Amino acid sequence: MKASEFYHHPKYLFNCAQAIVYKWSEVEVISSLKVADFKRSGSGRAPDGACGALYGALALFEGNTEQQKRLKSEFEAAIGSPLCRTIRKEKMATCRHCIDVADEWVEQLASIVI
């Protein structure tokens, strides 16, 4: 199941960061992060204005700066910016697309880490 399927789903009502964290913390079980801790990280409110999907994905690799650097670099290359407001203002990608890109990279990097 894709993380974007949890985004604004009537059952969950997750923002972009929560959708990523839920999939990988609850469904795929590679992290012990709490979804509730990311409630205020969507809609451009993640630290430093980061895309919430990217922020949630980076949190999954906390302590692994190499994986975080690669994830951020690949996300920025695919989307055009790591910043939510820039992405939205410039119409670089939809929120669902950002979630899908972050999710795909978590999947790739998780297989390297595991």
PDB file of N, CA and C in Angstrom:
ATOM      1  N   MET A   1       0.842  -1.179   0.000  1.00  0.00           N
ATOM      2  CA  MET A   1       0.000   0.000   0.000  1.00  0.00           C
ATOM      3  C   MET A   1       0.887   1.243   0.000  1.00  0.00           C
ATOM      4  N   LYS A   2       0.517   2.219  -0.807  1.00  0.00           N
ATOM      5  CA  LYS A   2       1.278   3.458  -0.886  1.00  0.00           C
ATOM      6  C   LYS A   2       0.926   4.377   0.285  1.00  0.00           C
ATOM      7  N   ALA A   3       1.897   5.147   0.727  1.00  0.00           N
ATOM      8  CA  ALA A   3       1.657   6.101   1.817  1.00  0.00           C
ATOM      9  C   ALA A   3       0.606   7.132   1.421  1.00  0.00           C
ATOM     10  N   SER A   4       0.551   7.503   0.150  1.00  0.00           N
ATOM     11  CA  SER A   4      -0.404   8.516  -0.294  1.00  0.00           C
ATOM     12  C   SER A   4      -1.848   8.051  -0.118  1.00  0.00           C
ATOM     13  N   GLU A   5      -2.069   6.758   0.022  1.00  0.00           N
ATOM     14  CA  GLU A   5      -3.424   6.245   0.254  1.00  0.00           C
ATOM     15  C   GLU A   5      -3.932   6.596   1.656  1.00  0.00           C
ATOM     16  N   PHE A   6      -3.029   6.932   2.559  1.00  0.00           N
ATOM     17  CA  PHE A   6      -3.420   7.330   3.910  1.00  0.00           C
ATOM     18  C   PHE A   6      -3.650   8.842   4.018  1.00  0.00           C
ATOM     19  N   TYR A   7      -3.194   9.576   3.025  1.00  0.00           N
ATOM     20  CA  TYR A   7      -3.285  11.039   3.005  1.00  0.00           C
ATOM     21  C   TYR A   7      -4.743  11.467   2.823  1.00  0.00           C
ATOM     22  N   HIS A   8      -5.257  12.177   3.794  1.00  0.00           N
ATOM     23  CA  HIS A   8      -6.634  12.686   3.796  1.00  0.00           C
ATOM     24  C   HIS A   8      -7.683  11.588   3.620  1.00  0.00           C
ATOM     25  N   HIS A   9      -7.309  10.355   3.876  1.00  0.00           N
ATOM     26  CA  HIS A   9      -8.261   9.231   3.818  1.00  0.00           C
ATOM     27  C   HIS A   9      -9.306   9.462   4.914  1.00  0.00           C
ATOM     28  N   PRO A  10     -10.581   9.253   4.611  1.00  0.00           N
ATOM     29  CA  PRO A  10     -11.634   9.520   5.610  1.00  0.00           C
ATOM     30  C   PRO A  10     -11.429   8.804   6.947  1.00  0.00           C
ATOM     31  N   LYS A  11     -10.827   7.634   6.917  1.00  0.00           N
ATOM     32  CA  LYS A  11     -10.596   6.879   8.159  1.00  0.00           C
ATOM     33  C   LYS A  11      -9.468   7.484   8.994  1.00  0.00           C
ATOM     34  N   TYR A  12      -8.444   8.052   8.315  1.00  0.00           N
ATOM     35  CA  TYR A  12      -7.255   8.513   9.016  1.00  0.00           C
ATOM     36  C   TYR A  12      -7.138  10.035   9.097  1.00  0.00           C
ATOM     37  N   LEU A  13      -7.461  10.722   8.016  1.00  0.00           N
ATOM     38  CA  LEU A  13      -7.330  12.180   7.931  1.00  0.00           C
ATOM     39  C   LEU A  13      -5.908  12.658   8.207  1.00  0.00           C
ATOM     40  N   PHE A  14      -4.925  11.910   7.717  1.00  0.00           N
ATOM     41  CA  PHE A  14      -3.529  12.254   7.942  1.00  0.00           C
ATOM     42  C   PHE A  14      -3.062  13.332   6.974  1.00  0.00           C
ATOM     43  N   ASN A  15      -2.149  14.180   7.463  1.00  0.00           N
ATOM     44  CA  ASN A  15      -1.465  15.107   6.568  1.00  0.00           C
ATOM     45  C   ASN A  15      -0.341  14.331   5.871  1.00  0.00           C
ATOM     46  N   CYS A  16       0.439  15.023   5.056  1.00  0.00           N
ATOM     47  CA  CYS A  16       1.482  14.362   4.271  1.00  0.00           C
ATOM     48  C   CYS A  16       2.554  13.693   5.149  1.00  0.00           C
ATOM     49  N   ALA A  17       2.994  14.384   6.183  1.00  0.00           N
ATOM     50  CA  ALA A  17       4.024  13.815   7.067  1.00  0.00           C
ATOM     51  C   ALA A  17       3.482  12.593   7.800  1.00  0.00           C
ATOM     52  N   GLN A  18       2.257  12.693   8.293  1.00  0.00           N
ATOM     53  CA  GLN A  18       1.655  11.575   9.013  1.00  0.00           C
ATOM     54  C   GLN A  18       1.458  10.360   8.109  1.00  0.00           C
ATOM     55  N   ALA A  19       1.098  10.589   6.853  1.00  0.00           N
ATOM     56  CA  ALA A  19       0.885   9.475   5.926  1.00  0.00           C
ATOM     57  C   ALA A  19       2.166   8.665   5.750  1.00  0.00           C
ATOM     58  N   ILE A  20       3.286   9.356   5.585  1.00  0.00           N
ATOM     59  CA  ILE A  20       4.587   8.676   5.444  1.00  0.00           C
ATOM     60  C   ILE A  20       4.938   7.925   6.730  1.00  0.00           C
ATOM     61  N   VAL A  21       4.851   8.617   7.843  1.00  0.00           N
ATOM     62  CA  VAL A  21       5.221   8.008   9.125  1.00  0.00           C
ATOM     63  C   VAL A  21       4.312   6.826   9.450  1.00  0.00           C
ATOM     64  N   TYR A  22       3.016   6.956   9.181  1.00  0.00           N
ATOM     65  CA  TYR A  22       2.094   5.853   9.464  1.00  0.00           C
ATOM     66  C   TYR A  22       2.454   4.613   8.654  1.00  0.00           C
ATOM     67  N   LYS A  23       2.652   4.811   7.366  1.00  0.00           N
ATOM     68  CA  LYS A  23       2.965   3.641   6.538  1.00  0.00           C
ATOM     69  C   LYS A  23       4.210   2.924   7.053  1.00  0.00           C
ATOM     70  N   TRP A  24       5.241   3.670   7.317  1.00  0.00           N
ATOM     71  CA  TRP A  24       6.509   3.041   7.668  1.00  0.00           C
ATOM     72  C   TRP A  24       6.643   2.696   9.145  1.00  0.00           C
ATOM     73  N   SER A  25       5.865   3.323  10.006  1.00  0.00           N
ATOM     74  CA  SER A  25       5.926   2.997  11.434  1.00  0.00           C
ATOM     75  C   SER A  25       4.906   1.942  11.825  1.00  0.00           C
ATOM     76  N   GLU A  26       3.738   2.001  11.216  1.00  0.00           N
ATOM     77  CA  GLU A  26       2.661   1.093  11.593  1.00  0.00           C
ATOM     78  C   GLU A  26       2.510  -0.071  10.621  1.00  0.00           C
ATOM     79  N   VAL A  27       2.496   0.211   9.347  1.00  0.00           N
ATOM     80  CA  VAL A  27       2.241  -0.810   8.342  1.00  0.00           C
ATOM     81  C   VAL A  27       3.504  -1.607   8.027  1.00  0.00           C
ATOM     82  N   GLU A  28       4.598  -0.913   7.763  1.00  0.00           N
ATOM     83  CA  GLU A  28       5.834  -1.584   7.373  1.00  0.00           C
ATOM     84  C   GLU A  28       6.782  -1.849   8.547  1.00  0.00           C
ATOM     85  N   VAL A  29       6.557  -1.214   9.652  1.00  0.00           N
ATOM     86  CA  VAL A  29       7.304  -1.420  10.891  1.00  0.00           C
ATOM     87  C   VAL A  29       8.822  -1.318  10.740  1.00  0.00           C
ATOM     88  N   ILE A  30       9.293  -0.164  10.248  1.00  0.00           N
ATOM     89  CA  ILE A  30      10.748   0.054  10.273  1.00  0.00           C
ATOM     90  C   ILE A  30      11.117   1.155  11.257  1.00  0.00           C
ATOM     91  N   SER A  31      10.123   1.686  11.939  1.00  0.00           N
ATOM     92  CA  SER A  31      10.382   2.795  12.846  1.00  0.00           C
ATOM     93  C   SER A  31       9.389   2.768  13.987  1.00  0.00           C
ATOM     94  N   SER A  32       9.766   3.397  15.081  1.00  0.00           N
ATOM     95  CA  SER A  32       8.856   3.478  16.223  1.00  0.00           C
ATOM     96  C   SER A  32       8.316   4.897  16.405  1.00  0.00           C
ATOM     97  N   LEU A  33       8.392   5.708  15.358  1.00  0.00           N
ATOM     98  CA  LEU A  33       7.875   7.081  15.437  1.00  0.00           C
ATOM     99  C   LEU A  33       6.376   7.058  15.678  1.00  0.00           C
ATOM    100  N   LYS A  34       5.874   8.096  16.314  1.00  0.00           N
ATOM    101  CA  LYS A  34       4.457   8.216  16.606  1.00  0.00           C
ATOM    102  C   LYS A  34       3.805   9.172  15.611  1.00  0.00           C
ATOM    103  N   VAL A  35       2.761   8.719  14.951  1.00  0.00           N
ATOM    104  CA  VAL A  35       2.055   9.505  13.945  1.00  0.00           C
ATOM    105  C   VAL A  35       1.566  10.827  14.528  1.00  0.00           C
ATOM    106  N   ALA A  36       1.060  10.802  15.745  1.00  0.00           N
ATOM    107  CA  ALA A  36       0.520  12.013  16.377  1.00  0.00           C
ATOM    108  C   ALA A  36       1.573  13.115  16.495  1.00  0.00           C
ATOM    109  N   ASP A  37       2.838  12.744  16.607  1.00  0.00           N
ATOM    110  CA  ASP A  37       3.907  13.734  16.731  1.00  0.00           C
ATOM    111  C   ASP A  37       4.094  14.552  15.446  1.00  0.00           C
ATOM    112  N   PHE A  38       3.473  14.120  14.352  1.00  0.00           N
ATOM    113  CA  PHE A  38       3.629  14.802  13.068  1.00  0.00           C
ATOM    114  C   PHE A  38       2.362  15.549  12.639  1.00  0.00           C
ATOM    115  N   LYS A  39       1.434  15.691  13.575  1.00  0.00           N
ATOM    116  CA  LYS A  39       0.159  16.348  13.267  1.00  0.00           C
ATOM    117  C   LYS A  39       0.340  17.783  12.779  1.00  0.00           C
ATOM    118  N   ARG A  40       1.298  18.474  13.292  1.00  0.00           N
ATOM    119  CA  ARG A  40       1.528  19.876  12.923  1.00  0.00           C
ATOM    120  C   ARG A  40       2.648  20.032  11.888  1.00  0.00           C
ATOM    121  N   SER A  41       2.910  18.986  11.134  1.00  0.00           N
ATOM    122  CA  SER A  41       4.009  19.035  10.160  1.00  0.00           C
ATOM    123  C   SER A  41       3.540  19.039   8.708  1.00  0.00           C
ATOM    124  N   GLY A  42       2.268  19.239   8.482  1.00  0.00           N
ATOM    125  CA  GLY A  42       1.749  19.312   7.122  1.00  0.00           C
ATOM    126  C   GLY A  42       1.474  20.758   6.733  1.00  0.00           C
ATOM    127  N   SER A  43       1.136  20.977   5.493  1.00  0.00           N
ATOM    128  CA  SER A  43       0.753  22.304   4.984  1.00  0.00           C
ATOM    129  C   SER A  43       1.820  23.372   5.190  1.00  0.00           C
ATOM    130  N   GLY A  44       3.063  22.999   5.016  1.00  0.00           N
ATOM    131  CA  GLY A  44       4.160  23.964   5.126  1.00  0.00           C
ATOM    132  C   GLY A  44       4.578  24.284   6.542  1.00  0.00           C
ATOM    133  N   ARG A  45       4.118  23.513   7.518  1.00  0.00           N
ATOM    134  CA  ARG A  45       4.451  23.789   8.915  1.00  0.00           C
ATOM    135  C   ARG A  45       5.563  22.909   9.475  1.00  0.00           C
ATOM    136  N   ALA A  46       6.148  22.080   8.638  1.00  0.00           N
ATOM    137  CA  ALA A  46       7.289  21.278   9.100  1.00  0.00           C
ATOM    138  C   ALA A  46       8.457  22.230   9.368  1.00  0.00           C
ATOM    139  N   PRO A  47       9.391  21.847  10.215  1.00  0.00           N
ATOM    140  CA  PRO A  47      10.532  22.710  10.501  1.00  0.00           C
ATOM    141  C   PRO A  47      11.215  23.230   9.230  1.00  0.00           C
ATOM    142  N   ASP A  48      11.580  24.481   9.271  1.00  0.00           N
ATOM    143  CA  ASP A  48      12.272  25.162   8.172  1.00  0.00           C
ATOM    144  C   ASP A  48      11.449  25.217   6.885  1.00  0.00           C
ATOM    145  N   GLY A  49      10.123  25.003   6.982  1.00  0.00           N
ATOM    146  CA  GLY A  49       9.257  25.079   5.815  1.00  0.00           C
ATOM    147  C   GLY A  49       9.376  23.890   4.888  1.00  0.00           C
ATOM    148  N   ALA A  50       9.964  22.821   5.372  1.00  0.00           N
ATOM    149  CA  ALA A  50      10.151  21.619   4.538  1.00  0.00           C
ATOM    150  C   ALA A  50       8.815  21.020   4.134  1.00  0.00           C
ATOM    151  N   CYS A  51       8.818  20.333   3.012  1.00  0.00           N
ATOM    152  CA  CYS A  51       7.666  19.536   2.611  1.00  0.00           C
ATOM    153  C   CYS A  51       7.438  18.504   3.719  1.00  0.00           C
ATOM    154  N   GLY A  52       6.199  18.362   4.156  1.00  0.00           N
ATOM    155  CA  GLY A  52       5.883  17.433   5.232  1.00  0.00           C
ATOM    156  C   GLY A  52       6.213  15.994   4.884  1.00  0.00           C
ATOM    157  N   ALA A  53       5.978  15.606   3.640  1.00  0.00           N
ATOM    158  CA  ALA A  53       6.299  14.236   3.218  1.00  0.00           C
ATOM    159  C   ALA A  53       7.802  13.989   3.338  1.00  0.00           C
ATOM    160  N   LEU A  54       8.583  14.955   2.912  1.00  0.00           N
ATOM    161  CA  LEU A  54      10.037  14.838   3.028  1.00  0.00           C
ATOM    162  C   LEU A  54      10.447  14.821   4.495  1.00  0.00           C
ATOM    163  N   TYR A  55       9.868  15.701   5.279  1.00  0.00           N
ATOM    164  CA  TYR A  55      10.191  15.771   6.706  1.00  0.00           C
ATOM    165  C   TYR A  55       9.895  14.439   7.408  1.00  0.00           C
ATOM    166  N   GLY A  56       8.732  13.871   7.125  1.00  0.00           N
ATOM    167  CA  GLY A  56       8.379  12.579   7.721  1.00  0.00           C
ATOM    168  C   GLY A  56       9.336  11.486   7.290  1.00  0.00           C
ATOM    169  N   ALA A  57       9.694  11.490   6.010  1.00  0.00           N
ATOM    170  CA  ALA A  57      10.625  10.490   5.491  1.00  0.00           C
ATOM    171  C   ALA A  57      12.009  10.635   6.130  1.00  0.00           C
ATOM    172  N   LEU A  58      12.467  11.876   6.256  1.00  0.00           N
ATOM    173  CA  LEU A  58      13.777  12.110   6.885  1.00  0.00           C
ATOM    174  C   LEU A  58      13.787  11.631   8.337  1.00  0.00           C
ATOM    175  N   ALA A  59      12.667  11.818   9.029  1.00  0.00           N
ATOM    176  CA  ALA A  59      12.570  11.395  10.428  1.00  0.00           C
ATOM    177  C   ALA A  59      12.739   9.881  10.569  1.00  0.00           C
ATOM    178  N   LEU A  60      12.324   9.139   9.566  1.00  0.00           N
ATOM    179  CA  LEU A  60      12.465   7.682   9.601  1.00  0.00           C
ATOM    180  C   LEU A  60      13.930   7.253   9.617  1.00  0.00           C
ATOM    181  N   PHE A  61      14.806   8.107   9.089  1.00  0.00           N
ATOM    182  CA  PHE A  61      16.235   7.790   9.030  1.00  0.00           C
ATOM    183  C   PHE A  61      17.042   8.616  10.034  1.00  0.00           C
ATOM    184  N   GLU A  62      16.387   9.037  11.106  1.00  0.00           N
ATOM    185  CA  GLU A  62      17.075   9.820  12.133  1.00  0.00           C
ATOM    186  C   GLU A  62      18.311   9.064  12.611  1.00  0.00           C
ATOM    187  N   GLY A  63      19.412   9.775  12.661  1.00  0.00           N
ATOM    188  CA  GLY A  63      20.665   9.166  13.083  1.00  0.00           C
ATOM    189  C   GLY A  63      21.489   8.616  11.921  1.00  0.00           C
ATOM    190  N   ASN A  64      20.920   8.605  10.737  1.00  0.00           N
ATOM    191  CA  ASN A  64      21.642   8.114   9.567  1.00  0.00           C
ATOM    192  C   ASN A  64      21.753   9.273   8.572  1.00  0.00           C
ATOM    193  N   THR A  65      22.732  10.126   8.803  1.00  0.00           N
ATOM    194  CA  THR A  65      22.848  11.349   8.002  1.00  0.00           C
ATOM    195  C   THR A  65      23.117  11.076   6.523  1.00  0.00           C
ATOM    196  N   GLU A  66      23.800   9.995   6.217  1.00  0.00           N
ATOM    197  CA  GLU A  66      24.055   9.665   4.804  1.00  0.00           C
ATOM    198  C   GLU A  66      22.745   9.368   4.076  1.00  0.00           C
ATOM    199  N   GLN A  67      21.892   8.563   4.707  1.00  0.00           N
ATOM    200  CA  GLN A  67      20.601   8.240   4.087  1.00  0.00           C
ATOM    201  C   GLN A  67      19.724   9.492   4.006  1.00  0.00           C
ATOM    202  N   GLN A  68      19.774  10.330   5.029  1.00  0.00           N
ATOM    203  CA  GLN A  68      18.993  11.569   5.010  1.00  0.00           C
ATOM    204  C   GLN A  68      19.451  12.490   3.881  1.00  0.00           C
ATOM    205  N   LYS A  69      20.763  12.625   3.710  1.00  0.00           N
ATOM    206  CA  LYS A  69      21.296  13.468   2.631  1.00  0.00           C
ATOM    207  C   LYS A  69      20.857  12.950   1.266  1.00  0.00           C
ATOM    208  N   ARG A  70      20.947  11.650   1.097  1.00  0.00           N
ATOM    209  CA  ARG A  70      20.559  11.062  -0.186  1.00  0.00           C
ATOM    210  C   ARG A  70      19.064  11.250  -0.441  1.00  0.00           C
ATOM    211  N   LEU A  71      18.259  11.005   0.568  1.00  0.00           N
ATOM    212  CA  LEU A  71      16.811  11.169   0.442  1.00  0.00           C
ATOM    213  C   LEU A  71      16.462  12.604   0.076  1.00  0.00           C
ATOM    214  N   LYS A  72      17.049  13.559   0.767  1.00  0.00           N
ATOM    215  CA  LYS A  72      16.758  14.968   0.494  1.00  0.00           C
ATOM    216  C   LYS A  72      17.206  15.347  -0.914  1.00  0.00           C
ATOM    217  N   SER A  73      18.365  14.884  -1.299  1.00  0.00           N
ATOM    218  CA  SER A  73      18.889  15.181  -2.630  1.00  0.00           C
ATOM    219  C   SER A  73      18.006  14.587  -3.726  1.00  0.00           C
ATOM    220  N   GLU A  74      17.625  13.343  -3.572  1.00  0.00           N
ATOM    221  CA  GLU A  74      16.793  12.673  -4.571  1.00  0.00           C
ATOM    222  C   GLU A  74      15.389  13.293  -4.626  1.00  0.00           C
ATOM    223  N   PHE A  75      14.859  13.645  -3.476  1.00  0.00           N
ATOM    224  CA  PHE A  75      13.543  14.281  -3.427  1.00  0.00           C
ATOM    225  C   PHE A  75      13.589  15.623  -4.151  1.00  0.00           C
ATOM    226  N   GLU A  76      14.596  16.422  -3.841  1.00  0.00           N
ATOM    227  CA  GLU A  76      14.729  17.733  -4.470  1.00  0.00           C
ATOM    228  C   GLU A  76      14.933  17.603  -5.982  1.00  0.00           C
ATOM    229  N   ALA A  77      15.689  16.614  -6.419  1.00  0.00           N
ATOM    230  CA  ALA A  77      15.894  16.401  -7.848  1.00  0.00           C
ATOM    231  C   ALA A  77      14.585  16.027  -8.548  1.00  0.00           C
ATOM    232  N   ALA A  78      13.768  15.228  -7.873  1.00  0.00           N
ATOM    233  CA  ALA A  78      12.508  14.771  -8.469  1.00  0.00           C
ATOM    234  C   ALA A  78      11.424  15.845  -8.451  1.00  0.00           C
ATOM    235  N   ILE A  79      11.368  16.629  -7.375  1.00  0.00           N
ATOM    236  CA  ILE A  79      10.285  17.596  -7.200  1.00  0.00           C
ATOM    237  C   ILE A  79      10.699  19.005  -7.619  1.00  0.00           C
ATOM    238  N   GLY A  80      11.937  19.383  -7.311  1.00  0.00           N
ATOM    239  CA  GLY A  80      12.417  20.717  -7.665  1.00  0.00           C
ATOM    240  C   GLY A  80      12.733  21.582  -6.473  1.00  0.00           C
ATOM    241  N   SER A  81      12.245  21.201  -5.296  1.00  0.00           N
ATOM    242  CA  SER A  81      12.507  21.952  -4.076  1.00  0.00           C
ATOM    243  C   SER A  81      12.140  21.089  -2.875  1.00  0.00           C
ATOM    244  N   PRO A  82      12.813  21.298  -1.735  1.00  0.00           N
ATOM    245  CA  PRO A  82      12.431  20.592  -0.519  1.00  0.00           C
ATOM    246  C   PRO A  82      11.411  21.386   0.315  1.00  0.00           C
ATOM    247  N   LEU A  83      11.057  22.580  -0.144  1.00  0.00           N
ATOM    248  CA  LEU A  83      10.206  23.489   0.627  1.00  0.00           C
ATOM    249  C   LEU A  83       8.749  23.450   0.176  1.00  0.00           C
ATOM    250  N   CYS A  84       7.855  23.194   1.097  1.00  0.00           N
ATOM    251  CA  CYS A  84       6.436  23.061   0.789  1.00  0.00           C
ATOM    252  C   CYS A  84       5.873  24.283   0.069  1.00  0.00           C
ATOM    253  N   ARG A  85       6.089  25.444   0.606  1.00  0.00           N
ATOM    254  CA  ARG A  85       5.478  26.642   0.010  1.00  0.00           C
ATOM    255  C   ARG A  85       6.000  26.902  -1.399  1.00  0.00           C
ATOM    256  N   THR A  86       7.260  26.623  -1.643  1.00  0.00           N
ATOM    257  CA  THR A  86       7.821  26.781  -2.984  1.00  0.00           C
ATOM    258  C   THR A  86       7.180  25.777  -3.939  1.00  0.00           C
ATOM    259  N   ILE A  87       7.076  24.543  -3.492  1.00  0.00           N
ATOM    260  CA  ILE A  87       6.474  23.491  -4.315  1.00  0.00           C
ATOM    261  C   ILE A  87       5.042  23.867  -4.686  1.00  0.00           C
ATOM    262  N   ARG A  88       4.291  24.329  -3.694  1.00  0.00           N
ATOM    263  CA  ARG A  88       2.889  24.664  -3.940  1.00  0.00           C
ATOM    264  C   ARG A  88       2.739  25.935  -4.766  1.00  0.00           C
ATOM    265  N   LYS A  89       3.505  26.965  -4.429  1.00  0.00           N
ATOM    266  CA  LYS A  89       3.409  28.247  -5.135  1.00  0.00           C
ATOM    267  C   LYS A  89       3.792  28.100  -6.607  1.00  0.00           C
ATOM    268  N   GLU A  90       4.858  27.355  -6.859  1.00  0.00           N
ATOM    269  CA  GLU A  90       5.352  27.166  -8.224  1.00  0.00           C
ATOM    270  C   GLU A  90       4.649  26.004  -8.944  1.00  0.00           C
ATOM    271  N   LYS A  91       3.723  25.347  -8.232  1.00  0.00           N
ATOM    272  CA  LYS A  91       2.984  24.199  -8.794  1.00  0.00           C
ATOM    273  C   LYS A  91       3.925  23.131  -9.361  1.00  0.00           C
ATOM    274  N   MET A  92       4.951  22.828  -8.585  1.00  0.00           N
ATOM    275  CA  MET A  92       5.943  21.838  -8.994  1.00  0.00           C
ATOM    276  C   MET A  92       5.394  20.414  -8.895  1.00  0.00           C
ATOM    277  N   ALA A  93       4.531  20.184  -7.911  1.00  0.00           N
ATOM    278  CA  ALA A  93       3.975  18.844  -7.691  1.00  0.00           C
ATOM    279  C   ALA A  93       2.788  18.954  -6.748  1.00  0.00           C
ATOM    280  N   THR A  94       1.921  17.970  -6.807  1.00  0.00           N
ATOM    281  CA  THR A  94       0.816  17.896  -5.851  1.00  0.00           C
ATOM    282  C   THR A  94       1.347  17.295  -4.547  1.00  0.00           C
ATOM    283  N   CYS A  95       0.583  17.442  -3.498  1.00  0.00           N
ATOM    284  CA  CYS A  95       0.978  16.843  -2.222  1.00  0.00           C
ATOM    285  C   CYS A  95       1.059  15.320  -2.356  1.00  0.00           C
ATOM    286  N   ARG A  96       0.110  14.726  -3.046  1.00  0.00           N
ATOM    287  CA  ARG A  96       0.130  13.271  -3.238  1.00  0.00           C
ATOM    288  C   ARG A  96       1.398  12.825  -3.981  1.00  0.00           C
ATOM    289  N   HIS A  97       1.793  13.605  -4.981  1.00  0.00           N
ATOM    290  CA  HIS A  97       3.009  13.244  -5.721  1.00  0.00           C
ATOM    291  C   HIS A  97       4.237  13.348  -4.806  1.00  0.00           C
ATOM    292  N   CYS A  98       4.281  14.369  -3.977  1.00  0.00           N
ATOM    293  CA  CYS A  98       5.399  14.503  -3.025  1.00  0.00           C
ATOM    294  C   CYS A  98       5.440  13.310  -2.075  1.00  0.00           C
ATOM    295  N   ILE A  99       4.272  12.879  -1.616  1.00  0.00           N
ATOM    296  CA  ILE A  99       4.199  11.710  -0.736  1.00  0.00           C
ATOM    297  C   ILE A  99       4.701  10.477  -1.479  1.00  0.00           C
ATOM    298  N   ASP A 100       4.265  10.303  -2.726  1.00  0.00           N
ATOM    299  CA  ASP A 100       4.694   9.138  -3.506  1.00  0.00           C
ATOM    300  C   ASP A 100       6.201   9.129  -3.726  1.00  0.00           C
ATOM    301  N   VAL A 101       6.776  10.286  -4.035  1.00  0.00           N
ATOM    302  CA  VAL A 101       8.222  10.371  -4.252  1.00  0.00           C
ATOM    303  C   VAL A 101       8.971  10.044  -2.957  1.00  0.00           C
ATOM    304  N   ALA A 102       8.561  10.643  -1.855  1.00  0.00           N
ATOM    305  CA  ALA A 102       9.210  10.371  -0.567  1.00  0.00           C
ATOM    306  C   ALA A 102       9.066   8.896  -0.200  1.00  0.00           C
ATOM    307  N   ASP A 103       7.890   8.348  -0.403  1.00  0.00           N
ATOM    308  CA  ASP A 103       7.608   6.946  -0.093  1.00  0.00           C
ATOM    309  C   ASP A 103       8.497   6.007  -0.911  1.00  0.00           C
ATOM    310  N   GLU A 104       8.635   6.280  -2.193  1.00  0.00           N
ATOM    311  CA  GLU A 104       9.482   5.452  -3.060  1.00  0.00           C
ATOM    312  C   GLU A 104      10.934   5.471  -2.594  1.00  0.00           C
ATOM    313  N   TRP A 105      11.404   6.653  -2.190  1.00  0.00           N
ATOM    314  CA  TRP A 105      12.796   6.734  -1.737  1.00  0.00           C
ATOM    315  C   TRP A 105      12.996   6.080  -0.382  1.00  0.00           C
ATOM    316  N   VAL A 106      12.012   6.172   0.499  1.00  0.00           N
ATOM    317  CA  VAL A 106      12.116   5.459   1.781  1.00  0.00           C
ATOM    318  C   VAL A 106      12.210   3.963   1.495  1.00  0.00           C
ATOM    319  N   GLU A 107      11.384   3.484   0.584  1.00  0.00           N
ATOM    320  CA  GLU A 107      11.409   2.069   0.246  1.00  0.00           C
ATOM    321  C   GLU A 107      12.778   1.641  -0.274  1.00  0.00           C
ATOM    322  N   GLN A 108      13.349   2.435  -1.164  1.00  0.00           N
ATOM    323  CA  GLN A 108      14.675   2.111  -1.703  1.00  0.00           C
ATOM    324  C   GLN A 108      15.745   2.159  -0.624  1.00  0.00           C
ATOM    325  N   LEU A 109      15.723   3.210   0.172  1.00  0.00           N
ATOM    326  CA  LEU A 109      16.762   3.365   1.204  1.00  0.00           C
ATOM    327  C   LEU A 109      16.572   2.368   2.341  1.00  0.00           C
ATOM    328  N   ALA A 110      15.338   2.027   2.665  1.00  0.00           N
ATOM    329  CA  ALA A 110      15.090   1.050   3.725  1.00  0.00           C
ATOM    330  C   ALA A 110      15.629  -0.319   3.337  1.00  0.00           C
ATOM    331  N   SER A 111      15.537  -0.643   2.059  1.00  0.00           N
ATOM    332  CA  SER A 111      16.061  -1.947   1.633  1.00  0.00           C
ATOM    333  C   SER A 111      17.586  -1.975   1.723  1.00  0.00           C
ATOM    334  N   ILE A 112      18.205  -0.812   1.623  1.00  0.00           N
ATOM    335  CA  ILE A 112      19.667  -0.722   1.767  1.00  0.00           C
ATOM    336  C   ILE A 112      20.047  -0.841   3.236  1.00  0.00           C
ATOM    337  N   VAL A 113      19.259  -0.203   4.118  1.00  0.00           N
ATOM    338  CA  VAL A 113      19.553  -0.168   5.540  1.00  0.00           C
ATOM    339  C   VAL A 113      19.291  -1.503   6.204  1.00  0.00           C
ATOM    340  N   ILE A 114      18.191  -2.157   5.826  1.00  0.00           N
ATOM    341  CA  ILE A 114      17.761  -3.395   6.497  1.00  0.00           C
ATOM    342  C   ILE A 114      18.680  -4.549   6.170  1.00  0.00           C
TER     343      ILE A 114
END
